[in-house]
N, C-alpha and C. Protein backbone atom coordinates (compact mmCIF):
# COMPACT_ATOMS: atom_id res chain seq x y z
N ILE A 1 -20.35 -7.67 2.12
CA ILE A 1 -20.38 -8.67 3.54
C ILE A 1 -20.64 -9.99 2.92
N PHE A 2 -19.44 -10.56 3.21
CA PHE A 2 -19.71 -12.05 2.08
C PHE A 2 -19.91 -13.08 3.44
N SER A 3 -20.90 -13.66 3.50
CA SER A 3 -21.22 -14.66 4.50
C SER A 3 -21.98 -15.67 4.22
N GLY A 4 -22.49 -16.54 5.16
CA GLY A 4 -23.27 -17.93 4.82
C GLY A 4 -22.66 -19.11 4.05
N GLY A 5 -21.37 -19.19 4.03
CA GLY A 5 -20.63 -19.76 3.56
C GLY A 5 -20.06 -19.56 2.19
N ALA A 6 -20.75 -18.10 1.47
CA ALA A 6 -20.28 -17.95 -0.03
C ALA A 6 -18.59 -18.36 -0.18
N SER A 7 -18.58 -18.42 -1.53
CA SER A 7 -17.09 -19.20 -1.74
C SER A 7 -16.88 -17.83 -3.20
N VAL A 8 -16.06 -16.91 -2.81
CA VAL A 8 -15.71 -16.23 -3.72
C VAL A 8 -14.21 -15.44 -4.36
N VAL A 9 -14.22 -15.47 -5.57
CA VAL A 9 -12.89 -15.09 -6.02
C VAL A 9 -12.98 -14.11 -6.82
N MET A 10 -12.59 -12.58 -6.35
CA MET A 10 -12.24 -11.59 -7.09
C MET A 10 -10.97 -11.35 -7.32
N LYS A 11 -10.44 -10.99 -9.02
CA LYS A 11 -9.28 -11.43 -9.36
C LYS A 11 -9.19 -10.19 -10.80
N SER A 12 -8.11 -9.04 -10.96
CA SER A 12 -7.89 -8.33 -11.69
C SER A 12 -7.24 -8.74 -13.11
N SER A 13 -7.63 -9.03 -14.06
CA SER A 13 -7.04 -9.57 -15.05
C SER A 13 -6.33 -8.24 -15.58
N ASN A 14 -6.05 -7.24 -15.02
CA ASN A 14 -5.30 -6.52 -15.83
C ASN A 14 -3.83 -5.74 -15.32
N GLY A 15 -4.40 -6.48 -13.79
CA GLY A 15 -3.25 -5.86 -12.44
C GLY A 15 -3.67 -3.97 -11.94
N GLU A 16 -4.97 -3.88 -12.48
CA GLU A 16 -5.50 -2.44 -11.99
C GLU A 16 -6.81 -2.57 -11.70
N GLY A 17 -7.46 -3.56 -10.70
CA GLY A 17 -8.26 -3.42 -9.77
C GLY A 17 -8.52 -3.31 -8.52
N VAL A 18 -9.53 -2.37 -7.91
CA VAL A 18 -8.85 -1.77 -7.17
C VAL A 18 -10.67 -1.81 -6.50
N LEU A 19 -10.55 -1.76 -5.01
CA LEU A 19 -11.79 -1.90 -3.94
C LEU A 19 -11.31 -0.59 -3.12
N ASP A 20 -12.09 0.33 -3.06
CA ASP A 20 -11.86 1.52 -2.66
C ASP A 20 -13.15 1.99 -1.71
N GLY A 21 -12.29 2.36 -0.52
CA GLY A 21 -13.79 2.53 0.25
C GLY A 21 -13.92 4.32 0.55
N GLY A 22 -13.40 4.64 0.03
CA GLY A 22 -13.17 6.50 -0.27
C GLY A 22 -13.26 7.78 1.19
N HIS A 23 -12.87 6.23 2.42
CA HIS A 23 -12.03 7.60 3.43
C HIS A 23 -13.75 7.25 4.22
N LEU A 24 -14.73 6.42 3.64
CA LEU A 24 -16.02 6.78 4.07
C LEU A 24 -16.51 5.16 5.18
N VAL A 25 -16.15 4.18 4.53
CA VAL A 25 -16.77 2.70 4.36
C VAL A 25 -15.48 1.98 4.56
N ARG A 26 -15.93 0.54 5.35
CA ARG A 26 -14.92 -0.26 5.29
C ARG A 26 -15.34 -1.16 3.93
N VAL A 27 -14.03 -1.80 3.36
CA VAL A 27 -13.94 -2.43 2.25
C VAL A 27 -14.79 -3.60 1.96
N LEU A 28 -14.85 -4.40 3.19
CA LEU A 28 -14.80 -5.73 2.72
C LEU A 28 -15.00 -6.42 4.08
N GLN A 29 -15.65 -7.28 4.38
CA GLN A 29 -15.86 -8.19 5.44
C GLN A 29 -16.56 -9.16 5.09
N VAL A 30 -15.73 -10.39 5.52
CA VAL A 30 -16.04 -11.95 5.30
C VAL A 30 -16.27 -12.60 6.82
N ASP A 31 -17.06 -13.30 6.95
CA ASP A 31 -18.05 -13.38 7.92
C ASP A 31 -18.48 -15.06 7.87
N GLY A 32 -18.38 -15.66 8.90
CA GLY A 32 -18.91 -17.16 9.32
C GLY A 32 -17.96 -17.76 8.36
N GLU A 33 -18.24 -19.43 9.39
CA GLU A 33 -17.80 -20.74 9.02
C GLU A 33 -18.11 -20.85 7.83
N GLY A 34 -17.29 -21.49 6.88
CA GLY A 34 -17.01 -21.91 5.69
C GLY A 34 -17.24 -20.70 4.48
N THR A 35 -16.99 -19.48 4.89
CA THR A 35 -17.06 -18.37 3.74
C THR A 35 -15.81 -18.04 3.54
N HIS A 36 -15.40 -18.12 1.92
CA HIS A 36 -14.05 -18.01 1.79
C HIS A 36 -14.00 -17.28 0.74
N VAL A 37 -13.12 -16.33 0.86
CA VAL A 37 -12.69 -14.94 -0.31
C VAL A 37 -11.49 -14.99 -0.45
N ARG A 38 -11.23 -15.47 -2.06
CA ARG A 38 -9.63 -14.82 -2.35
C ARG A 38 -9.79 -13.85 -3.04
N LEU A 39 -8.46 -12.92 -3.03
CA LEU A 39 -8.23 -11.84 -3.74
C LEU A 39 -6.94 -11.67 -4.33
N VAL A 40 -7.03 -11.34 -5.60
CA VAL A 40 -5.74 -11.80 -6.23
C VAL A 40 -5.27 -10.84 -7.46
N GLY A 41 -4.50 -10.06 -7.49
CA GLY A 41 -3.89 -9.00 -8.10
C GLY A 41 -4.93 -7.64 -7.93
N ILE A 42 -5.18 -7.27 -6.56
CA ILE A 42 -5.88 -5.89 -6.62
C ILE A 42 -5.46 -5.07 -5.52
N GLU A 43 -6.19 -4.30 -5.38
CA GLU A 43 -5.38 -2.75 -4.57
C GLU A 43 -7.17 -3.19 -3.71
N VAL A 44 -6.75 -2.73 -2.05
CA VAL A 44 -7.79 -2.78 -1.39
C VAL A 44 -7.35 -1.57 -0.74
N ARG A 45 -7.85 -0.69 -0.50
CA ARG A 45 -7.61 1.05 -0.38
C ARG A 45 -8.52 1.91 0.52
N ASP A 46 -7.85 2.79 1.27
CA ASP A 46 -8.94 4.25 1.73
C ASP A 46 -10.21 3.52 2.51
N GLY A 47 -10.22 2.20 3.08
CA GLY A 47 -11.23 1.71 3.94
C GLY A 47 -11.08 3.09 5.11
N GLN A 48 -12.11 3.44 5.98
CA GLN A 48 -12.12 3.70 7.14
C GLN A 48 -13.58 3.43 8.15
N VAL A 49 -13.56 3.33 9.27
CA VAL A 49 -14.37 2.86 10.18
C VAL A 49 -14.10 3.76 11.56
N TRP A 50 -15.06 3.53 12.67
CA TRP A 50 -15.01 5.01 13.21
C TRP A 50 -15.51 3.77 14.82
N SER A 51 -14.47 3.70 15.71
CA SER A 51 -15.10 2.92 16.76
C SER A 51 -15.78 1.71 16.81
N THR A 52 -14.37 1.51 15.78
CA THR A 52 -15.00 -0.52 15.88
C THR A 52 -13.11 -0.95 15.15
N GLN A 53 -13.36 -2.45 14.40
CA GLN A 53 -12.20 -2.83 14.27
C GLN A 53 -12.28 -3.06 12.57
N GLY A 54 -10.99 -2.60 11.97
CA GLY A 54 -10.81 -3.41 10.56
C GLY A 54 -11.29 -2.15 9.88
N GLY A 55 -10.40 -1.13 9.34
CA GLY A 55 -10.68 0.05 7.97
C GLY A 55 -10.95 -0.32 6.85
N CYS A 56 -10.02 -1.80 6.47
CA CYS A 56 -10.52 -2.07 5.57
C CYS A 56 -11.61 -3.20 4.98
N ILE A 57 -10.71 -4.34 6.25
CA ILE A 57 -11.64 -5.79 5.88
C ILE A 57 -11.39 -6.14 7.93
N VAL A 58 -12.59 -6.74 7.44
CA VAL A 58 -12.64 -7.72 9.00
C VAL A 58 -13.15 -9.29 8.57
N VAL A 59 -12.00 -10.10 8.70
CA VAL A 59 -12.35 -11.49 8.95
C VAL A 59 -12.92 -12.07 9.94
N LYS A 60 -13.96 -12.82 10.31
CA LYS A 60 -14.13 -12.98 11.63
C LYS A 60 -15.06 -14.44 11.71
N ASP A 61 -15.26 -15.00 12.97
CA ASP A 61 -16.67 -16.11 13.17
C ASP A 61 -15.87 -17.64 12.16
N GLY A 62 -14.63 -17.52 12.03
CA GLY A 62 -14.16 -18.80 11.20
C GLY A 62 -14.32 -18.61 9.55
N ALA A 63 -14.11 -17.78 9.17
CA ALA A 63 -14.07 -16.98 7.59
C ALA A 63 -12.21 -17.34 7.22
N LYS A 64 -12.27 -17.39 5.71
CA LYS A 64 -10.74 -17.38 5.52
C LYS A 64 -10.96 -16.45 3.97
N LEU A 65 -9.58 -15.53 4.36
CA LEU A 65 -9.44 -14.88 3.26
C LEU A 65 -7.95 -14.90 2.80
N GLU A 66 -8.14 -15.06 1.57
CA GLU A 66 -6.11 -15.38 0.75
C GLU A 66 -6.42 -14.04 -0.06
N ALA A 67 -5.01 -13.26 0.33
CA ALA A 67 -4.76 -12.32 -0.74
C ALA A 67 -3.58 -12.78 -1.21
N ASP A 68 -3.27 -12.92 -2.78
CA ASP A 68 -2.50 -13.41 -3.52
C ASP A 68 -2.39 -11.84 -4.43
N GLY A 69 -0.50 -11.40 -4.28
CA GLY A 69 -0.46 -10.11 -5.28
C GLY A 69 -1.60 -8.97 -4.80
N VAL A 70 -1.91 -9.03 -3.56
CA VAL A 70 -2.82 -7.67 -3.21
C VAL A 70 -1.89 -6.87 -2.33
N GLU A 71 -2.53 -5.55 -2.61
CA GLU A 71 -1.96 -4.24 -1.59
C GLU A 71 -2.81 -3.61 -0.87
N ILE A 72 -3.02 -3.55 0.47
CA ILE A 72 -3.86 -3.31 1.20
C ILE A 72 -3.85 -1.79 1.87
N PHE A 73 -3.52 -0.59 1.44
CA PHE A 73 -3.18 0.54 2.04
C PHE A 73 -4.26 1.63 2.29
N GLY A 74 -3.54 2.43 3.05
CA GLY A 74 -5.05 3.98 3.15
C GLY A 74 -5.77 3.54 4.60
N CYS A 75 -5.55 2.69 4.69
CA CYS A 75 -6.92 2.29 6.00
C CYS A 75 -6.63 3.12 7.11
N LYS A 76 -8.01 2.78 7.70
CA LYS A 76 -7.87 3.69 9.26
C LYS A 76 -9.09 3.63 9.93
N ALA A 77 -8.62 3.43 11.15
CA ALA A 77 -9.34 2.65 12.68
C ALA A 77 -9.87 3.94 13.34
N THR A 78 -10.76 4.60 13.28
CA THR A 78 -10.73 5.81 14.39
C THR A 78 -11.64 5.60 15.23
N PHE A 79 -11.23 6.44 16.89
CA PHE A 79 -12.05 6.21 17.48
C PHE A 79 -13.29 7.49 17.74
N LEU A 80 -14.41 7.60 18.18
CA LEU A 80 -15.09 8.88 18.12
C LEU A 80 -15.15 8.90 19.83
N PRO A 81 -15.30 10.74 20.21
CA PRO A 81 -15.25 10.94 21.31
C PRO A 81 -16.11 9.76 22.87
N GLY A 82 -15.16 9.38 23.34
CA GLY A 82 -15.85 8.43 24.52
C GLY A 82 -16.25 6.99 24.13
N VAL A 83 -15.32 6.90 22.98
CA VAL A 83 -15.41 5.57 22.50
C VAL A 83 -14.40 5.05 22.10
N PHE A 84 -13.43 4.25 22.68
CA PHE A 84 -12.16 3.96 22.78
C PHE A 84 -11.75 3.21 22.06
N VAL A 85 -12.60 2.71 20.67
CA VAL A 85 -12.23 0.94 20.33
C VAL A 85 -11.70 1.54 18.69
N ALA A 86 -10.25 1.45 18.52
CA ALA A 86 -10.44 1.48 17.07
C ALA A 86 -9.27 0.59 16.82
N HIS A 87 -9.38 -0.92 16.54
CA HIS A 87 -8.05 -1.87 15.96
C HIS A 87 -8.16 -2.32 14.73
N GLY A 88 -7.03 -2.41 14.10
CA GLY A 88 -6.39 -2.96 13.24
C GLY A 88 -6.81 -2.08 11.93
N GLY A 89 -6.08 -1.13 11.41
CA GLY A 89 -6.43 -0.38 10.72
C GLY A 89 -6.55 -0.80 9.57
N ALA A 90 -5.67 -1.91 8.55
CA ALA A 90 -5.91 -2.42 7.46
C ALA A 90 -7.24 -3.56 7.89
N VAL A 91 -6.51 -4.69 8.74
CA VAL A 91 -7.56 -5.78 8.70
C VAL A 91 -7.20 -6.11 10.56
N HIS A 92 -8.62 -6.34 10.45
CA HIS A 92 -8.84 -7.26 11.79
C HIS A 92 -9.55 -8.89 11.41
N ILE A 93 -8.97 -9.60 12.29
CA ILE A 93 -8.99 -11.01 12.17
C ILE A 93 -9.49 -11.39 13.78
N GLU A 94 -10.97 -12.50 13.35
CA GLU A 94 -11.15 -12.49 14.95
C GLU A 94 -11.75 -14.31 14.59
N ASN A 95 -10.83 -15.19 15.06
CA ASN A 95 -11.47 -16.37 14.95
C ASN A 95 -11.41 -16.61 13.72
N SER A 96 -10.54 -16.00 12.56
CA SER A 96 -10.29 -16.71 11.28
C SER A 96 -8.97 -17.07 10.87
N ASN A 97 -9.16 -16.90 9.51
CA ASN A 97 -8.16 -17.05 8.21
C ASN A 97 -7.44 -16.11 7.80
N LEU A 98 -6.15 -15.80 7.74
CA LEU A 98 -6.04 -14.65 6.40
C LEU A 98 -4.59 -15.12 6.02
N THR A 99 -4.31 -15.22 4.49
CA THR A 99 -3.13 -16.01 4.46
C THR A 99 -2.72 -14.80 3.02
N LEU A 100 -1.77 -14.55 3.34
CA LEU A 100 -0.84 -13.29 2.45
C LEU A 100 0.07 -14.16 1.43
N THR A 101 0.35 -13.77 0.18
CA THR A 101 0.97 -14.73 -0.68
C THR A 101 1.31 -13.92 -1.72
N GLY A 102 2.34 -14.10 -2.69
CA GLY A 102 2.30 -13.38 -4.13
C GLY A 102 3.00 -11.89 -3.79
N GLY A 103 4.21 -11.92 -2.83
CA GLY A 103 4.12 -10.43 -2.73
C GLY A 103 3.25 -9.28 -2.04
N SER A 104 1.93 -9.63 -1.48
CA SER A 104 1.26 -9.11 -0.66
C SER A 104 1.75 -8.20 0.39
N LYS A 105 0.83 -6.65 0.21
CA LYS A 105 1.76 -5.83 1.21
C LYS A 105 0.90 -4.95 1.79
N LEU A 106 1.20 -4.71 2.64
CA LEU A 106 -0.18 -3.88 3.86
C LEU A 106 0.88 -2.73 4.49
N PHE A 107 0.60 -1.55 4.05
CA PHE A 107 1.21 -0.06 4.26
C PHE A 107 0.52 0.86 4.28
N GLY A 108 1.02 2.09 5.31
CA GLY A 108 0.18 3.15 5.43
C GLY A 108 -0.86 2.90 5.59
N ASN A 109 -1.30 1.92 6.40
CA ASN A 109 -2.35 2.15 7.17
C ASN A 109 -2.29 2.28 8.82
N ALA A 110 -3.38 2.74 9.58
CA ALA A 110 -3.43 3.43 10.84
C ALA A 110 -4.47 2.96 11.98
N ALA A 111 -4.43 2.58 13.23
CA ALA A 111 -5.47 2.54 13.79
C ALA A 111 -4.91 3.05 15.37
N GLU A 112 -6.15 3.99 15.99
CA GLU A 112 -5.91 4.82 17.06
C GLU A 112 -5.36 4.44 18.47
N THR A 113 -5.80 2.80 18.13
CA THR A 113 -5.43 2.26 19.42
C THR A 113 -4.47 1.04 19.35
N GLU A 114 -4.50 -0.06 18.36
CA GLU A 114 -3.77 -1.27 18.25
C GLU A 114 -3.89 -1.83 16.78
N GLY A 115 -2.80 -2.34 16.54
CA GLY A 115 -2.63 -2.82 15.44
C GLY A 115 -3.17 -1.92 14.00
N GLY A 116 -1.97 -1.38 13.90
CA GLY A 116 -1.86 -0.16 12.60
C GLY A 116 -2.44 -1.14 11.53
N ALA A 117 -1.85 -2.11 11.21
CA ALA A 117 -2.09 -3.16 10.01
C ALA A 117 -2.66 -4.21 10.04
N LEU A 118 -2.51 -5.04 11.35
CA LEU A 118 -3.24 -6.04 11.84
C LEU A 118 -3.72 -5.93 13.07
N ASN A 119 -4.61 -6.77 13.82
CA ASN A 119 -5.43 -6.81 14.74
C ASN A 119 -6.13 -8.68 14.83
N ILE A 120 -4.89 -9.36 15.80
CA ILE A 120 -5.55 -10.65 15.43
C ILE A 120 -6.01 -10.66 16.76
N LEU A 121 -7.23 -11.59 16.76
CA LEU A 121 -7.73 -12.34 18.10
C LEU A 121 -8.31 -13.54 18.14
């Protein structure tokens, strides 16, 4: 979790950088006004959440995420019995900014309710 006005750059120098949730956890959360994360040339993959939003990434409360040449895939938002919330398989964005450049791709993501790739509020 990046919050509190943090400014972070994660860059793969060889094109093989990976952030992997192992189908067990959300990979990245960017939270709060003034918080800015920039991802360059990496893969974000295989995140999973249950009965919440953002299988791989959540960007909320005025934060900014830039993805340049990033692939986001294999992410899933799943609901538990009786709790039917599972939005934004890849990314959930709430009152925040997401910028995709450099051929960034979102593919092979799923949500059981809304927004297989993106859920934007």
